[in-house]
Amino acid sequence: MVRFQCETCRRLKEPNETWILGFAAENIGVTSARREIEIADAWNPMEACGPLAVHFCSDKCRAQYMGALFGETPETRTGEVTVTKRRIKRVIPGAVVDTMIAETSKPGPIAKGKRKKVS
């Protein structure tokens, strides 16, 4: 018997519930580390058993998980411009990966202009 559990709140999935399925991966290299998550279009029980599968009971739980995964802090969600700097140091066999992350919470303005017609 396979039981699915929410990655955030640890609630168990009931048979007829609609849940969110994602696939999370982390690639740690010698000079960089990369994290990514892909959300599936629909729940698929066969894919949900995969080694990279992550399960969420709601969009709120998915957002909390992604916020924790990508280092989002409450200040970055308020709309104020803040710069968050943090250092991640990971030891892997044969090397130490030291990553400095600097993020701004609000992107710069987007220039709106008229499109040129192509003749």
PDB file of N, CA and C in Angstrom:
ATOM      1  N   MET A   1       0.843  -1.183   0.000  1.00  0.00           N
ATOM      2  CA  MET A   1       0.000   0.000   0.000  1.00  0.00           C
ATOM      3  C   MET A   1       0.883   1.239   0.000  1.00  0.00           C
ATOM      4  N   VAL A   2       0.556   2.204  -0.843  1.00  0.00           N
ATOM      5  CA  VAL A   2       1.297   3.453  -0.936  1.00  0.00           C
ATOM      6  C   VAL A   2       0.448   4.567  -0.335  1.00  0.00           C
ATOM      7  N   ARG A   3       1.061   5.350   0.559  1.00  0.00           N
ATOM      8  CA  ARG A   3       0.371   6.499   1.151  1.00  0.00           C
ATOM      9  C   ARG A   3       1.149   7.750   0.780  1.00  0.00           C
ATOM     10  N   PHE A   4       0.441   8.786   0.346  1.00  0.00           N
ATOM     11  CA  PHE A   4       1.077  10.048  -0.014  1.00  0.00           C
ATOM     12  C   PHE A   4       0.881  11.045   1.116  1.00  0.00           C
ATOM     13  N   GLN A   5       1.950  11.787   1.416  1.00  0.00           N
ATOM     14  CA  GLN A   5       1.937  12.733   2.523  1.00  0.00           C
ATOM     15  C   GLN A   5       2.377  14.103   2.011  1.00  0.00           C
ATOM     16  N   CYS A   6       1.706  15.164   2.478  1.00  0.00           N
ATOM     17  CA  CYS A   6       2.049  16.533   2.082  1.00  0.00           C
ATOM     18  C   CYS A   6       3.450  16.864   2.603  1.00  0.00           C
ATOM     19  N   GLU A   7       4.278  17.452   1.760  1.00  0.00           N
ATOM     20  CA  GLU A   7       5.648  17.796   2.130  1.00  0.00           C
ATOM     21  C   GLU A   7       5.704  18.885   3.193  1.00  0.00           C
ATOM     22  N   THR A   8       4.667  19.713   3.297  1.00  0.00           N
ATOM     23  CA  THR A   8       4.678  20.843   4.221  1.00  0.00           C
ATOM     24  C   THR A   8       3.977  20.529   5.529  1.00  0.00           C
ATOM     25  N   CYS A   9       2.710  20.116   5.467  1.00  0.00           N
ATOM     26  CA  CYS A   9       1.913  19.929   6.690  1.00  0.00           C
ATOM     27  C   CYS A   9       1.833  18.469   7.138  1.00  0.00           C
ATOM     28  N   ARG A  10       2.348  17.541   6.334  1.00  0.00           N
ATOM     29  CA  ARG A  10       2.392  16.112   6.651  1.00  0.00           C
ATOM     30  C   ARG A  10       1.027  15.425   6.679  1.00  0.00           C
ATOM     31  N   ARG A  11       0.005  16.075   6.099  1.00  0.00           N
ATOM     32  CA  ARG A  11      -1.324  15.474   6.032  1.00  0.00           C
ATOM     33  C   ARG A  11      -1.306  14.352   5.003  1.00  0.00           C
ATOM     34  N   LEU A  12      -2.058  13.279   5.250  1.00  0.00           N
ATOM     35  CA  LEU A  12      -2.120  12.155   4.321  1.00  0.00           C
ATOM     36  C   LEU A  12      -3.196  12.374   3.263  1.00  0.00           C
ATOM     37  N   LYS A  13      -2.911  11.948   2.053  1.00  0.00           N
ATOM     38  CA  LYS A  13      -3.841  12.101   0.937  1.00  0.00           C
ATOM     39  C   LYS A  13      -4.924  11.026   1.013  1.00  0.00           C
ATOM     40  N   GLU A  14      -6.157  11.461   0.873  1.00  0.00           N
ATOM     41  CA  GLU A  14      -7.290  10.539   0.794  1.00  0.00           C
ATOM     42  C   GLU A  14      -7.467  10.118  -0.671  1.00  0.00           C
ATOM     43  N   PRO A  15      -8.091   8.967  -0.939  1.00  0.00           N
ATOM     44  CA  PRO A  15      -8.179   8.453  -2.317  1.00  0.00           C
ATOM     45  C   PRO A  15      -8.810   9.392  -3.339  1.00  0.00           C
ATOM     46  N   ASN A  16      -9.836  10.162  -2.995  1.00  0.00           N
ATOM     47  CA  ASN A  16     -10.523  10.984  -3.991  1.00  0.00           C
ATOM     48  C   ASN A  16     -10.131  12.466  -3.937  1.00  0.00           C
ATOM     49  N   GLU A  17      -9.086  12.814  -3.228  1.00  0.00           N
ATOM     50  CA  GLU A  17      -8.667  14.211  -3.138  1.00  0.00           C
ATOM     51  C   GLU A  17      -7.790  14.593  -4.321  1.00  0.00           C
ATOM     52  N   THR A  18      -7.886  15.855  -4.717  1.00  0.00           N
ATOM     53  CA  THR A  18      -7.028  16.389  -5.769  1.00  0.00           C
ATOM     54  C   THR A  18      -5.843  17.063  -5.104  1.00  0.00           C
ATOM     55  N   TRP A  19      -4.657  16.604  -5.427  1.00  0.00           N
ATOM     56  CA  TRP A  19      -3.440  17.159  -4.847  1.00  0.00           C
ATOM     57  C   TRP A  19      -2.538  17.697  -5.942  1.00  0.00           C
ATOM     58  N   ILE A  20      -1.502  18.413  -5.529  1.00  0.00           N
ATOM     59  CA  ILE A  20      -0.514  18.984  -6.452  1.00  0.00           C
ATOM     60  C   ILE A  20       0.720  18.090  -6.432  1.00  0.00           C
ATOM     61  N   LEU A  21       1.183  17.729  -7.616  1.00  0.00           N
ATOM     62  CA  LEU A  21       2.368  16.895  -7.765  1.00  0.00           C
ATOM     63  C   LEU A  21       3.491  17.719  -8.365  1.00  0.00           C
ATOM     64  N   GLY A  22       4.655  17.623  -7.777  1.00  0.00           N
ATOM     65  CA  GLY A  22       5.823  18.326  -8.300  1.00  0.00           C
ATOM     66  C   GLY A  22       7.029  17.409  -8.311  1.00  0.00           C
ATOM     67  N   PHE A  23       8.084  17.877  -8.949  1.00  0.00           N
ATOM     68  CA  PHE A  23       9.341  17.138  -9.009  1.00  0.00           C
ATOM     69  C   PHE A  23      10.454  18.106  -8.642  1.00  0.00           C
ATOM     70  N   ALA A  24      11.127  17.846  -7.527  1.00  0.00           N
ATOM     71  CA  ALA A  24      12.167  18.732  -7.019  1.00  0.00           C
ATOM     72  C   ALA A  24      13.530  18.074  -7.215  1.00  0.00           C
ATOM     73  N   ALA A  25      14.522  18.899  -7.560  1.00  0.00           N
ATOM     74  CA  ALA A  25      15.873  18.390  -7.757  1.00  0.00           C
ATOM     75  C   ALA A  25      16.877  19.423  -7.280  1.00  0.00           C
ATOM     76  N   GLU A  26      18.011  18.946  -6.828  1.00  0.00           N
ATOM     77  CA  GLU A  26      19.104  19.819  -6.419  1.00  0.00           C
ATOM     78  C   GLU A  26      20.377  19.261  -7.017  1.00  0.00           C
ATOM     79  N   ASN A  27      21.132  20.114  -7.674  1.00  0.00           N
ATOM     80  CA  ASN A  27      22.381  19.714  -8.295  1.00  0.00           C
ATOM     81  C   ASN A  27      23.499  20.514  -7.645  1.00  0.00           C
ATOM     82  N   ILE A  28      24.363  19.839  -6.914  1.00  0.00           N
ATOM     83  CA  ILE A  28      25.470  20.523  -6.248  1.00  0.00           C
ATOM     84  C   ILE A  28      26.745  20.200  -7.003  1.00  0.00           C
ATOM     85  N   GLY A  29      27.333  21.231  -7.587  1.00  0.00           N
ATOM     86  CA  GLY A  29      28.589  21.071  -8.294  1.00  0.00           C
ATOM     87  C   GLY A  29      29.738  21.620  -7.468  1.00  0.00           C
ATOM     88  N   VAL A  30      30.913  21.618  -8.026  1.00  0.00           N
ATOM     89  CA  VAL A  30      32.092  22.112  -7.321  1.00  0.00           C
ATOM     90  C   VAL A  30      32.037  23.628  -7.171  1.00  0.00           C
ATOM     91  N   THR A  31      31.516  24.321  -8.178  1.00  0.00           N
ATOM     92  CA  THR A  31      31.493  25.784  -8.123  1.00  0.00           C
ATOM     93  C   THR A  31      30.111  26.383  -7.945  1.00  0.00           C
ATOM     94  N   SER A  32      29.067  25.594  -8.058  1.00  0.00           N
ATOM     95  CA  SER A  32      27.718  26.154  -7.919  1.00  0.00           C
ATOM     96  C   SER A  32      26.725  25.090  -7.460  1.00  0.00           C
ATOM     97  N   ALA A  33      25.595  25.586  -6.985  1.00  0.00           N
ATOM     98  CA  ALA A  33      24.496  24.700  -6.592  1.00  0.00           C
ATOM     99  C   ALA A  33      23.233  25.206  -7.273  1.00  0.00           C
ATOM    100  N   ARG A  34      22.404  24.283  -7.756  1.00  0.00           N
ATOM    101  CA  ARG A  34      21.182  24.688  -8.449  1.00  0.00           C
ATOM    102  C   ARG A  34      20.008  23.874  -7.918  1.00  0.00           C
ATOM    103  N   ARG A  35      18.909  24.566  -7.628  1.00  0.00           N
ATOM    104  CA  ARG A  35      17.679  23.915  -7.191  1.00  0.00           C
ATOM    105  C   ARG A  35      16.590  24.243  -8.180  1.00  0.00           C
ATOM    106  N   GLU A  36      15.728  23.277  -8.409  1.00  0.00           N
ATOM    107  CA  GLU A  36      14.603  23.526  -9.298  1.00  0.00           C
ATOM    108  C   GLU A  36      13.429  22.649  -8.892  1.00  0.00           C
ATOM    109  N   ILE A  37      12.239  23.122  -9.215  1.00  0.00           N
ATOM    110  CA  ILE A  37      11.029  22.343  -8.972  1.00  0.00           C
ATOM    111  C   ILE A  37      10.106  22.539 -10.167  1.00  0.00           C
ATOM    112  N   GLU A  38       9.518  21.457 -10.613  1.00  0.00           N
ATOM    113  CA  GLU A  38       8.578  21.486 -11.742  1.00  0.00           C
ATOM    114  C   GLU A  38       7.246  20.952 -11.240  1.00  0.00           C
ATOM    115  N   ILE A  39       6.176  21.700 -11.482  1.00  0.00           N
ATOM    116  CA  ILE A  39       4.842  21.294 -11.060  1.00  0.00           C
ATOM    117  C   ILE A  39       4.155  20.594 -12.233  1.00  0.00           C
ATOM    118  N   ALA A  40       3.630  19.414 -11.979  1.00  0.00           N
ATOM    119  CA  ALA A  40       2.954  18.633 -13.018  1.00  0.00           C
ATOM    120  C   ALA A  40       1.580  19.224 -13.326  1.00  0.00           C
ATOM    121  N   ASP A  41       1.082  18.959 -14.530  1.00  0.00           N
ATOM    122  CA  ASP A  41      -0.232  19.446 -14.947  1.00  0.00           C
ATOM    123  C   ASP A  41      -1.358  18.786 -14.159  1.00  0.00           C
ATOM    124  N   ALA A  42      -1.189  17.522 -13.820  1.00  0.00           N
ATOM    125  CA  ALA A  42      -2.234  16.770 -13.112  1.00  0.00           C
ATOM    126  C   ALA A  42      -1.583  15.724 -12.222  1.00  0.00           C
ATOM    127  N   TRP A  43      -2.334  15.255 -11.258  1.00  0.00           N
ATOM    128  CA  TRP A  43      -1.860  14.210 -10.354  1.00  0.00           C
ATOM    129  C   TRP A  43      -1.797  12.890 -11.110  1.00  0.00           C
ATOM    130  N   ASN A  44      -0.668  12.225 -11.041  1.00  0.00           N
ATOM    131  CA  ASN A  44      -0.486  10.928 -11.669  1.00  0.00           C
ATOM    132  C   ASN A  44       0.099   9.991 -10.609  1.00  0.00           C
ATOM    133  N   PRO A  45      -0.658   8.992 -10.155  1.00  0.00           N
ATOM    134  CA  PRO A  45      -0.177   8.120  -9.075  1.00  0.00           C
ATOM    135  C   PRO A  45       1.128   7.396  -9.394  1.00  0.00           C
ATOM    136  N   MET A  46       1.346   7.059 -10.653  1.00  0.00           N
ATOM    137  CA  MET A  46       2.586   6.363 -11.014  1.00  0.00           C
ATOM    138  C   MET A  46       3.792   7.307 -10.897  1.00  0.00           C
ATOM    139  N   GLU A  47       3.648   8.542 -11.396  1.00  0.00           N
ATOM    140  CA  GLU A  47       4.738   9.508 -11.296  1.00  0.00           C
ATOM    141  C   GLU A  47       4.940   9.984  -9.858  1.00  0.00           C
ATOM    142  N   ALA A  48       3.868   9.968  -9.056  1.00  0.00           N
ATOM    143  CA  ALA A  48       3.943  10.407  -7.664  1.00  0.00           C
ATOM    144  C   ALA A  48       4.811   9.481  -6.817  1.00  0.00           C
ATOM    145  N   CYS A  49       5.098   8.287  -7.306  1.00  0.00           N
ATOM    146  CA  CYS A  49       5.948   7.336  -6.591  1.00  0.00           C
ATOM    147  C   CYS A  49       7.424   7.498  -6.962  1.00  0.00           C
ATOM    148  N   GLY A  50       7.736   8.404  -7.877  1.00  0.00           N
ATOM    149  CA  GLY A  50       9.112   8.600  -8.335  1.00  0.00           C
ATOM    150  C   GLY A  50      10.018   9.171  -7.249  1.00  0.00           C
ATOM    151  N   PRO A  51      11.329   9.016  -7.408  1.00  0.00           N
ATOM    152  CA  PRO A  51      12.273   9.460  -6.386  1.00  0.00           C
ATOM    153  C   PRO A  51      12.347  10.977  -6.209  1.00  0.00           C
ATOM    154  N   LEU A  52      11.994  11.765  -7.219  1.00  0.00           N
ATOM    155  CA  LEU A  52      12.054  13.220  -7.119  1.00  0.00           C
ATOM    156  C   LEU A  52      10.692  13.854  -6.854  1.00  0.00           C
ATOM    157  N   ALA A  53       9.659  13.028  -6.700  1.00  0.00           N
ATOM    158  CA  ALA A  53       8.295  13.531  -6.543  1.00  0.00           C
ATOM    159  C   ALA A  53       8.100  14.191  -5.177  1.00  0.00           C
ATOM    160  N   VAL A  54       7.380  15.317  -5.187  1.00  0.00           N
ATOM    161  CA  VAL A  54       6.965  15.995  -3.962  1.00  0.00           C
ATOM    162  C   VAL A  54       5.454  16.200  -4.049  1.00  0.00           C
ATOM    163  N   HIS A  55       4.765  16.101  -2.911  1.00  0.00           N
ATOM    164  CA  HIS A  55       3.303  16.109  -2.888  1.00  0.00           C
ATOM    165  C   HIS A  55       2.811  17.241  -2.003  1.00  0.00           C
ATOM    166  N   PHE A  56       1.765  17.934  -2.460  1.00  0.00           N
ATOM    167  CA  PHE A  56       1.197  19.051  -1.707  1.00  0.00           C
ATOM    168  C   PHE A  56      -0.318  18.926  -1.670  1.00  0.00           C
ATOM    169  N   CYS A  57      -0.906  19.157  -0.476  1.00  0.00           N
ATOM    170  CA  CYS A  57      -2.362  19.057  -0.331  1.00  0.00           C
ATOM    171  C   CYS A  57      -3.052  20.334  -0.790  1.00  0.00           C
ATOM    172  N   SER A  58      -2.337  21.459  -0.849  1.00  0.00           N
ATOM    173  CA  SER A  58      -2.944  22.730  -1.259  1.00  0.00           C
ATOM    174  C   SER A  58      -1.891  23.642  -1.874  1.00  0.00           C
ATOM    175  N   ASP A  59      -2.368  24.703  -2.507  1.00  0.00           N
ATOM    176  CA  ASP A  59      -1.443  25.676  -3.085  1.00  0.00           C
ATOM    177  C   ASP A  59      -0.699  26.429  -1.987  1.00  0.00           C
ATOM    178  N   LYS A  60      -1.329  26.600  -0.842  1.00  0.00           N
ATOM    179  CA  LYS A  60      -0.670  27.267   0.287  1.00  0.00           C
ATOM    180  C   LYS A  60       0.546  26.449   0.746  1.00  0.00           C
ATOM    181  N   CYS A  61       0.384  25.139   0.861  1.00  0.00           N
ATOM    182  CA  CYS A  61       1.498  24.266   1.256  1.00  0.00           C
ATOM    183  C   CYS A  61       2.589  24.270   0.187  1.00  0.00           C
ATOM    184  N   ARG A  62       2.193  24.301  -1.089  1.00  0.00           N
ATOM    185  CA  ARG A  62       3.182  24.354  -2.171  1.00  0.00           C
ATOM    186  C   ARG A  62       3.992  25.638  -2.090  1.00  0.00           C
ATOM    187  N   ALA A  63       3.317  26.773  -1.835  1.00  0.00           N
ATOM    188  CA  ALA A  63       4.002  28.058  -1.744  1.00  0.00           C
ATOM    189  C   ALA A  63       4.964  28.101  -0.550  1.00  0.00           C
ATOM    190  N   GLN A  64       4.559  27.530   0.576  1.00  0.00           N
ATOM    191  CA  GLN A  64       5.445  27.482   1.745  1.00  0.00           C
ATOM    192  C   GLN A  64       6.682  26.634   1.458  1.00  0.00           C
ATOM    193  N   TYR A  65       6.493  25.503   0.803  1.00  0.00           N
ATOM    194  CA  TYR A  65       7.608  24.615   0.474  1.00  0.00           C
ATOM    195  C   TYR A  65       8.582  25.316  -0.471  1.00  0.00           C
ATOM    196  N   MET A  66       8.046  25.960  -1.505  1.00  0.00           N
ATOM    197  CA  MET A  66       8.911  26.636  -2.469  1.00  0.00           C
ATOM    198  C   MET A  66       9.609  27.837  -1.832  1.00  0.00           C
ATOM    199  N   GLY A  67       8.916  28.531  -0.932  1.00  0.00           N
ATOM    200  CA  GLY A  67       9.546  29.638  -0.218  1.00  0.00           C
ATOM    201  C   GLY A  67      10.725  29.165   0.612  1.00  0.00           C
ATOM    202  N   ALA A  68      10.563  28.040   1.290  1.00  0.00           N
ATOM    203  CA  ALA A  68      11.658  27.486   2.089  1.00  0.00           C
ATOM    204  C   ALA A  68      12.779  26.957   1.187  1.00  0.00           C
ATOM    205  N   LEU A  69      12.422  26.345   0.069  1.00  0.00           N
ATOM    206  CA  LEU A  69      13.410  25.777  -0.842  1.00  0.00           C
ATOM    207  C   LEU A  69      14.270  26.857  -1.479  1.00  0.00           C
ATOM    208  N   PHE A  70      13.651  27.977  -1.860  1.00  0.00           N
ATOM    209  CA  PHE A  70      14.377  29.031  -2.559  1.00  0.00           C
ATOM    210  C   PHE A  70      14.749  30.196  -1.663  1.00  0.00           C
ATOM    211  N   GLY A  71      14.587  30.049  -0.355  1.00  0.00           N
ATOM    212  CA  GLY A  71      15.066  31.053   0.582  1.00  0.00           C
ATOM    213  C   GLY A  71      14.237  32.311   0.649  1.00  0.00           C
ATOM    214  N   GLU A  72      12.944  32.237   0.350  1.00  0.00           N
ATOM    215  CA  GLU A  72      12.091  33.415   0.422  1.00  0.00           C
ATOM    216  C   GLU A  72      11.814  33.737   1.882  1.00  0.00           C
ATOM    217  N   THR A  73      11.906  34.993   2.221  1.00  0.00           N
ATOM    218  CA  THR A  73      11.643  35.441   3.584  1.00  0.00           C
ATOM    219  C   THR A  73      10.396  36.303   3.606  1.00  0.00           C
ATOM    220  N   PRO A  74       9.774  36.523   4.756  1.00  0.00           N
ATOM    221  CA  PRO A  74       8.577  37.373   4.801  1.00  0.00           C
ATOM    222  C   PRO A  74       8.808  38.773   4.255  1.00  0.00           C
ATOM    223  N   GLU A  75      10.025  39.332   4.429  1.00  0.00           N
ATOM    224  CA  GLU A  75      10.285  40.682   3.919  1.00  0.00           C
ATOM    225  C   GLU A  75      10.200  40.751   2.402  1.00  0.00           C
ATOM    226  N   THR A  76      10.561  39.675   1.718  1.00  0.00           N
ATOM    227  CA  THR A  76      10.557  39.710   0.263  1.00  0.00           C
ATOM    228  C   THR A  76       9.159  39.618  -0.318  1.00  0.00           C
ATOM    229  N   ARG A  77       8.138  39.322   0.509  1.00  0.00           N
ATOM    230  CA  ARG A  77       6.774  39.227   0.000  1.00  0.00           C
ATOM    231  C   ARG A  77       5.966  40.488   0.239  1.00  0.00           C
ATOM    232  N   THR A  78       6.501  41.482   0.933  1.00  0.00           N
ATOM    233  CA  THR A  78       5.729  42.669   1.272  1.00  0.00           C
ATOM    234  C   THR A  78       5.683  43.696   0.148  1.00  0.00           C
ATOM    235  N   GLY A  79       6.569  43.586  -0.832  1.00  0.00           N
ATOM    236  CA  GLY A  79       6.601  44.558  -1.908  1.00  0.00           C
ATOM    237  C   GLY A  79       7.637  45.634  -1.686  1.00  0.00           C
ATOM    238  N   GLU A  80       8.245  45.681  -0.511  1.00  0.00           N
ATOM    239  CA  GLU A  80       9.293  46.653  -0.242  1.00  0.00           C
ATOM    240  C   GLU A  80      10.594  46.161  -0.859  1.00  0.00           C
ATOM    241  N   VAL A  81      11.445  47.106  -1.241  1.00  0.00           N
ATOM    242  CA  VAL A  81      12.722  46.732  -1.818  1.00  0.00           C
ATOM    243  C   VAL A  81      13.679  46.409  -0.686  1.00  0.00           C
ATOM    244  N   THR A  82      14.098  45.178  -0.620  1.00  0.00           N
ATOM    245  CA  THR A  82      15.074  44.745   0.370  1.00  0.00           C
ATOM    246  C   THR A  82      16.108  43.889  -0.324  1.00  0.00           C
ATOM    247  N   VAL A  83      17.278  43.858   0.229  1.00  0.00           N
ATOM    248  CA  VAL A  83      18.330  42.999  -0.300  1.00  0.00           C
ATOM    249  C   VAL A  83      18.649  41.976   0.769  1.00  0.00           C
ATOM    250  N   THR A  84      18.527  40.724   0.397  1.00  0.00           N
ATOM    251  CA  THR A  84      18.822  39.637   1.316  1.00  0.00           C
ATOM    252  C   THR A  84      20.128  39.004   0.878  1.00  0.00           C
ATOM    253  N   LYS A  85      21.068  38.916   1.803  1.00  0.00           N
ATOM    254  CA  LYS A  85      22.338  38.256   1.499  1.00  0.00           C
ATOM    255  C   LYS A  85      22.485  37.096   2.456  1.00  0.00           C
ATOM    256  N   ARG A  86      22.870  35.970   1.910  1.00  0.00           N
ATOM    257  CA  ARG A  86      23.129  34.819   2.755  1.00  0.00           C
ATOM    258  C   ARG A  86      24.201  33.965   2.118  1.00  0.00           C
ATOM    259  N   ARG A  87      24.848  33.197   2.934  1.00  0.00           N
ATOM    260  CA  ARG A  87      25.934  32.347   2.480  1.00  0.00           C
ATOM    261  C   ARG A  87      25.578  30.896   2.781  1.00  0.00           C
ATOM    262  N   ILE A  88      25.742  30.056   1.795  1.00  0.00           N
ATOM    263  CA  ILE A  88      25.490  28.625   1.951  1.00  0.00           C
ATOM    264  C   ILE A  88      26.824  27.914   1.760  1.00  0.00           C
ATOM    265  N   LYS A  89      27.198  27.122   2.730  1.00  0.00           N
ATOM    266  CA  LYS A  89      28.434  26.353   2.629  1.00  0.00           C
ATOM    267  C   LYS A  89      28.073  24.878   2.749  1.00  0.00           C
ATOM    268  N   ARG A  90      28.412  24.104   1.734  1.00  0.00           N
ATOM    269  CA  ARG A  90      28.121  22.679   1.734  1.00  0.00           C
ATOM    270  C   ARG A  90      29.406  21.911   1.498  1.00  0.00           C
ATOM    271  N   VAL A  91      29.551  20.839   2.228  1.00  0.00           N
ATOM    272  CA  VAL A  91      30.713  19.977   2.057  1.00  0.00           C
ATOM    273  C   VAL A  91      30.254  18.745   1.294  1.00  0.00           C
ATOM    274  N   ILE A  92      30.912  18.500   0.177  1.00  0.00           N
ATOM    275  CA  ILE A  92      30.635  17.306  -0.608  1.00  0.00           C
ATOM    276  C   ILE A  92      31.955  16.546  -0.732  1.00  0.00           C
ATOM    277  N   PRO A  93      31.923  15.283  -1.050  1.00  0.00           N
ATOM    278  CA  PRO A  93      33.179  14.520  -1.138  1.00  0.00           C
ATOM    279  C   PRO A  93      34.173  15.175  -2.091  1.00  0.00           C
ATOM    280  N   GLY A  94      35.304  15.566  -1.546  1.00  0.00           N
ATOM    281  CA  GLY A  94      36.378  16.129  -2.363  1.00  0.00           C
ATOM    282  C   GLY A  94      36.339  17.630  -2.547  1.00  0.00           C
ATOM    283  N   ALA A  95      35.316  18.336  -2.031  1.00  0.00           N
ATOM    284  CA  ALA A  95      35.248  19.787  -2.245  1.00  0.00           C
ATOM    285  C   ALA A  95      34.308  20.434  -1.233  1.00  0.00           C
ATOM    286  N   VAL A  96      34.409  21.755  -1.153  1.00  0.00           N
ATOM    287  CA  VAL A  96      33.492  22.558  -0.356  1.00  0.00           C
ATOM    288  C   VAL A  96      32.867  23.578  -1.293  1.00  0.00           C
ATOM    289  N   VAL A  97      31.540  23.628  -1.326  1.00  0.00           N
ATOM    290  CA  VAL A  97      30.834  24.586  -2.176  1.00  0.00           C
ATOM    291  C   VAL A  97      30.400  25.739  -1.292  1.00  0.00           C
ATOM    292  N   ASP A  98      30.879  26.942  -1.597  1.00  0.00           N
ATOM    293  CA  ASP A  98      30.551  28.139  -0.829  1.00  0.00           C
ATOM    294  C   ASP A  98      29.800  29.075  -1.771  1.00  0.00           C
ATOM    295  N   THR A  99      28.521  29.311  -1.490  1.00  0.00           N
ATOM    296  CA  THR A  99      27.671  30.102  -2.370  1.00  0.00           C
ATOM    297  C   THR A  99      27.188  31.342  -1.648  1.00  0.00           C
ATOM    298  N   MET A 100      27.341  32.515  -2.260  1.00  0.00           N
ATOM    299  CA  MET A 100      26.810  33.762  -1.720  1.00  0.00           C
ATOM    300  C   MET A 100      25.614  34.145  -2.567  1.00  0.00           C
ATOM    301  N   ILE A 101      24.484  34.387  -1.916  1.00  0.00           N
ATOM    302  CA  ILE A 101      23.258  34.723  -2.622  1.00  0.00           C
ATOM    303  C   ILE A 101      22.833  36.119  -2.219  1.00  0.00           C
ATOM    304  N   ALA A 102      22.613  36.987  -3.177  1.00  0.00           N
ATOM    305  CA  ALA A 102      22.090  38.329  -2.933  1.00  0.00           C
ATOM    306  C   ALA A 102      20.845  38.482  -3.784  1.00  0.00           C
ATOM    307  N   GLU A 103      19.719  38.799  -3.140  1.00  0.00           N
ATOM    308  CA  GLU A 103      18.456  38.905  -3.855  1.00  0.00           C
ATOM    309  C   GLU A 103      17.791  40.222  -3.518  1.00  0.00           C
ATOM    310  N   THR A 104      17.090  40.784  -4.484  1.00  0.00           N
ATOM    311  CA  THR A 104      16.233  41.931  -4.215  1.00  0.00           C
ATOM    312  C   THR A 104      14.803  41.449  -4.312  1.00  0.00           C
ATOM    313  N   SER A 105      13.954  42.016  -3.487  1.00  0.00           N
ATOM    314  CA  SER A 105      12.579  41.524  -3.445  1.00  0.00           C
ATOM    315  C   SER A 105      11.693  42.109  -4.526  1.00  0.00           C
ATOM    316  N   LYS A 106      12.089  43.207  -5.123  1.00  0.00           N
ATOM    317  CA  LYS A 106      11.237  43.857  -6.103  1.00  0.00           C
ATOM    318  C   LYS A 106      12.037  44.099  -7.382  1.00  0.00           C
ATOM    319  N   PRO A 107      11.581  43.577  -8.504  1.00  0.00           N
ATOM    320  CA  PRO A 107      12.312  43.805  -9.747  1.00  0.00           C
ATOM    321  C   PRO A 107      12.206  45.259 -10.185  1.00  0.00           C
ATOM    322  N   GLY A 108      13.126  45.651 -11.044  1.00  0.00           N
ATOM    323  CA  GLY A 108      13.112  47.012 -11.558  1.00  0.00           C
ATOM    324  C   GLY A 108      11.919  47.254 -12.460  1.00  0.00           C
ATOM    325  N   PRO A 109      11.689  48.514 -12.825  1.00  0.00           N
ATOM    326  CA  PRO A 109      10.526  48.836 -13.672  1.00  0.00           C
ATOM    327  C   PRO A 109      10.671  48.249 -15.067  1.00  0.00           C
ATOM    328  N   ILE A 110       9.544  47.925 -15.639  1.00  0.00           N
ATOM    329  CA  ILE A 110       9.510  47.391 -16.994  1.00  0.00           C
ATOM    330  C   ILE A 110       9.137  48.530 -17.932  1.00  0.00           C
ATOM    331  N   ALA A 111       9.975  48.760 -18.926  1.00  0.00           N
ATOM    332  CA  ALA A 111       9.725  49.843 -19.878  1.00  0.00           C
ATOM    333  C   ALA A 111       8.644  49.412 -20.860  1.00  0.00           C
ATOM    334  N   LYS A 112       7.618  50.228 -20.976  1.00  0.00           N
ATOM    335  CA  LYS A 112       6.560  49.937 -21.934  1.00  0.00           C
ATOM    336  C   LYS A 112       6.719  50.885 -23.112  1.00  0.00           C
ATOM    337  N   GLY A 113       6.705  50.334 -24.253  1.00  0.00           N
ATOM    338  CA  GLY A 113       6.866  51.158 -25.448  1.00  0.00           C
ATOM    339  C   GLY A 113       5.977  50.650 -26.565  1.00  0.00           C
ATOM    340  N   LYS A 114       5.944  51.407 -27.635  1.00  0.00           N
ATOM    341  CA  LYS A 114       5.136  50.995 -28.780  1.00  0.00           C
ATOM    342  C   LYS A 114       5.937  50.024 -29.622  1.00  0.00           C
ATOM    343  N   ARG A 115       5.219  49.031 -30.136  1.00  0.00           N
ATOM    344  CA  ARG A 115       5.856  48.065 -31.012  1.00  0.00           C
ATOM    345  C   ARG A 115       5.981  48.653 -32.413  1.00  0.00           C
ATOM    346  N   LYS A 116       7.090  48.342 -33.028  1.00  0.00           N
ATOM    347  CA  LYS A 116       7.271  48.802 -34.399  1.00  0.00           C
ATOM    348  C   LYS A 116       6.607  47.817 -35.340  1.00  0.00           C
ATOM    349  N   LYS A 117       5.950  48.373 -36.314  1.00  0.00           N
ATOM    350  CA  LYS A 117       5.304  47.509 -37.312  1.00  0.00           C
ATOM    351  C   LYS A 117       6.339  47.023 -38.307  1.00  0.00           C
ATOM    352  N   VAL A 118       6.229  45.747 -38.637  1.00  0.00           N
ATOM    353  CA  VAL A 118       7.119  45.158 -39.608  1.00  0.00           C
ATOM    354  C   VAL A 118       6.410  45.116 -40.933  1.00  0.00           C
ATOM    355  N   SER A 119       7.041  45.702 -41.981  1.00  0.00           N
ATOM    356  CA  SER A 119       6.371  45.733 -43.267  1.00  0.00           C
ATOM    357  C   SER A 119       6.805  44.601 -44.143  1.00  0.00           C
TER     358      SER A 119
END
